[in-house]
Amino acid sequence: MLLKLDIPIYSLIVFSDNCELKKITLKSDNSKVIYNYELKFTINELINTIPKPILSIEEINMIYNKLFPYTQVNSEIRNAHINNIKIY
């Protein structure tokens, strides 16, 4: 596990309002597939289920610094991902 923290982790897969989502079966209660207009509500809903405080500012910064590099992909990889999604 990349983060090595004993905290609840949720996966939010967010699509634009212009997308048409097909029937999706999720195998985890910690995953959600939503439209971007649902994002604020979904995050607030999740925040309200977690005991506070759960992370310090230092821990949040550490998580951000570990995950940020994984968000930096070139346009070729991004386009390949989009094309793979279109197949399904």
C-alpha atoms as a PDB file:
ATOM      1  CA  MET A   1       0.000   0.000   0.000  1.00  0.00           C
ATOM      2  CA  LEU A   2       1.387   3.355  -1.011  1.00  0.00           C
ATOM      3  CA  LEU A   3       0.216   5.499   1.902  1.00  0.00           C
ATOM      4  CA  LYS A   4       0.569   3.004   4.773  1.00  0.00           C
ATOM      5  CA  LEU A   5      -2.036   4.785   6.883  1.00  0.00           C
ATOM      6  CA  ASP A   6      -4.891   3.219   8.777  1.00  0.00           C
ATOM      7  CA  ILE A   7      -7.563   5.644   7.621  1.00  0.00           C
ATOM      8  CA  PRO A   8     -10.703   5.264   5.531  1.00  0.00           C
ATOM      9  CA  ILE A   9      -9.921   5.834   1.853  1.00  0.00           C
ATOM     10  CA  TYR A  10     -12.596   6.505  -0.730  1.00  0.00           C
ATOM     11  CA  SER A  11     -12.338   6.368  -4.484  1.00  0.00           C
ATOM     12  CA  LEU A  12     -14.470   8.946  -6.268  1.00  0.00           C
ATOM     13  CA  ILE A  13     -14.661   8.562 -10.027  1.00  0.00           C
ATOM     14  CA  VAL A  14     -16.102  11.801 -11.331  1.00  0.00           C
ATOM     15  CA  PHE A  15     -17.493  12.396 -14.816  1.00  0.00           C
ATOM     16  CA  SER A  16     -18.686  15.587 -16.460  1.00  0.00           C
ATOM     17  CA  ASP A  17     -22.391  16.263 -16.808  1.00  0.00           C
ATOM     18  CA  ASN A  18     -22.045  15.689 -20.558  1.00  0.00           C
ATOM     19  CA  CYS A  19     -21.211  12.009 -20.067  1.00  0.00           C
ATOM     20  CA  GLU A  20     -23.748   9.242 -20.141  1.00  0.00           C
ATOM     21  CA  LEU A  21     -22.943   6.705 -17.461  1.00  0.00           C
ATOM     22  CA  LYS A  22     -23.818   3.105 -18.187  1.00  0.00           C
ATOM     23  CA  LYS A  23     -24.877   0.613 -15.543  1.00  0.00           C
ATOM     24  CA  ILE A  24     -21.886   0.283 -13.247  1.00  0.00           C
ATOM     25  CA  THR A  25     -21.281  -2.441 -10.686  1.00  0.00           C
ATOM     26  CA  LEU A  26     -18.884  -1.543  -7.908  1.00  0.00           C
ATOM     27  CA  LYS A  27     -17.189  -4.140  -5.730  1.00  0.00           C
ATOM     28  CA  SER A  28     -16.316  -1.769  -2.907  1.00  0.00           C
ATOM     29  CA  ASP A  29     -18.409   0.295  -0.534  1.00  0.00           C
ATOM     30  CA  ASN A  30     -15.590   2.851  -0.537  1.00  0.00           C
ATOM     31  CA  SER A  31     -15.977   3.637  -4.253  1.00  0.00           C
ATOM     32  CA  LYS A  32     -18.460   5.905  -5.953  1.00  0.00           C
ATOM     33  CA  VAL A  33     -19.028   6.840  -9.582  1.00  0.00           C
ATOM     34  CA  ILE A  34     -20.682  10.229  -9.800  1.00  0.00           C
ATOM     35  CA  TYR A  35     -21.255  13.279 -11.962  1.00  0.00           C
ATOM     36  CA  ASN A  36     -19.285  16.423 -11.162  1.00  0.00           C
ATOM     37  CA  TYR A  37     -22.420  18.209  -9.896  1.00  0.00           C
ATOM     38  CA  GLU A  38     -22.642  15.521  -7.168  1.00  0.00           C
ATOM     39  CA  LEU A  39     -19.069  15.970  -5.980  1.00  0.00           C
ATOM     40  CA  LYS A  40     -19.597  18.605  -3.276  1.00  0.00           C
ATOM     41  CA  PHE A  41     -22.565  16.753  -1.785  1.00  0.00           C
ATOM     42  CA  THR A  42     -20.704  13.407  -1.882  1.00  0.00           C
ATOM     43  CA  ILE A  43     -17.602  14.812  -0.192  1.00  0.00           C
ATOM     44  CA  ASN A  44     -19.695  16.473   2.516  1.00  0.00           C
ATOM     45  CA  GLU A  45     -21.578  13.216   3.029  1.00  0.00           C
ATOM     46  CA  LEU A  46     -18.308  11.309   3.455  1.00  0.00           C
ATOM     47  CA  ILE A  47     -16.832  13.947   5.779  1.00  0.00           C
ATOM     48  CA  ASN A  48     -19.848  13.690   8.049  1.00  0.00           C
ATOM     49  CA  THR A  49     -19.300   9.940   8.506  1.00  0.00           C
ATOM     50  CA  ILE A  50     -15.669  10.234   9.630  1.00  0.00           C
ATOM     51  CA  PRO A  51     -14.740  10.927  13.276  1.00  0.00           C
ATOM     52  CA  LYS A  52     -12.799  14.147  13.712  1.00  0.00           C
ATOM     53  CA  PRO A  53      -9.960  14.978  13.753  1.00  0.00           C
ATOM     54  CA  ILE A  54      -8.511  12.155  11.697  1.00  0.00           C
ATOM     55  CA  LEU A  55      -5.423  13.709  10.059  1.00  0.00           C
ATOM     56  CA  SER A  56      -2.999  16.433  10.976  1.00  0.00           C
ATOM     57  CA  ILE A  57      -1.919  19.101   8.493  1.00  0.00           C
ATOM     58  CA  GLU A  58       1.447  17.345   8.217  1.00  0.00           C
ATOM     59  CA  GLU A  59      -0.221  14.036   7.345  1.00  0.00           C
ATOM     60  CA  ILE A  60      -2.425  15.719   4.751  1.00  0.00           C
ATOM     61  CA  ASN A  61       0.620  17.327   3.153  1.00  0.00           C
ATOM     62  CA  MET A  62       2.466  13.999   3.171  1.00  0.00           C
ATOM     63  CA  ILE A  63      -0.469  12.278   1.425  1.00  0.00           C
ATOM     64  CA  TYR A  64      -0.707  15.075  -1.122  1.00  0.00           C
ATOM     65  CA  ASN A  65       3.018  14.925  -1.876  1.00  0.00           C
ATOM     66  CA  LYS A  66       2.911  11.141  -2.335  1.00  0.00           C
ATOM     67  CA  LEU A  67      -0.173  11.167  -4.587  1.00  0.00           C
ATOM     68  CA  PHE A  68       0.513  14.284  -6.669  1.00  0.00           C
ATOM     69  CA  PRO A  69       3.085  12.668  -9.003  1.00  0.00           C
ATOM     70  CA  TYR A  70       0.475  10.083 -10.022  1.00  0.00           C
ATOM     71  CA  THR A  71      -1.761  12.868 -11.343  1.00  0.00           C
ATOM     72  CA  GLN A  72       0.903  14.135 -13.728  1.00  0.00           C
ATOM     73  CA  VAL A  73       0.552  12.183 -16.954  1.00  0.00           C
ATOM     74  CA  ASN A  74       1.374  13.316 -20.453  1.00  0.00           C
ATOM     75  CA  SER A  75      -1.293  13.856 -23.104  1.00  0.00           C
ATOM     76  CA  GLU A  76      -0.468  10.552 -24.828  1.00  0.00           C
ATOM     77  CA  ILE A  77      -1.249   8.522 -21.705  1.00  0.00           C
ATOM     78  CA  ARG A  78      -4.328  10.656 -20.955  1.00  0.00           C
ATOM     79  CA  ASN A  79      -5.673  10.157 -24.511  1.00  0.00           C
ATOM     80  CA  ALA A  80      -5.017   6.408 -24.357  1.00  0.00           C
ATOM     81  CA  HIS A  81      -7.001   6.271 -21.109  1.00  0.00           C
ATOM     82  CA  ILE A  82      -9.888   8.202 -22.690  1.00  0.00           C
ATOM     83  CA  ASN A  83      -9.881   5.908 -25.725  1.00  0.00           C
ATOM     84  CA  ASN A  84      -9.933   2.811 -23.491  1.00  0.00           C
ATOM     85  CA  ILE A  85     -12.939   4.205 -21.641  1.00  0.00           C
ATOM     86  CA  LYS A  86     -14.783   4.841 -24.922  1.00  0.00           C
ATOM     87  CA  ILE A  87     -14.448   1.154 -25.835  1.00  0.00           C
ATOM     88  CA  TYR A  88     -16.581   0.200 -22.858  1.00  0.00           C
END
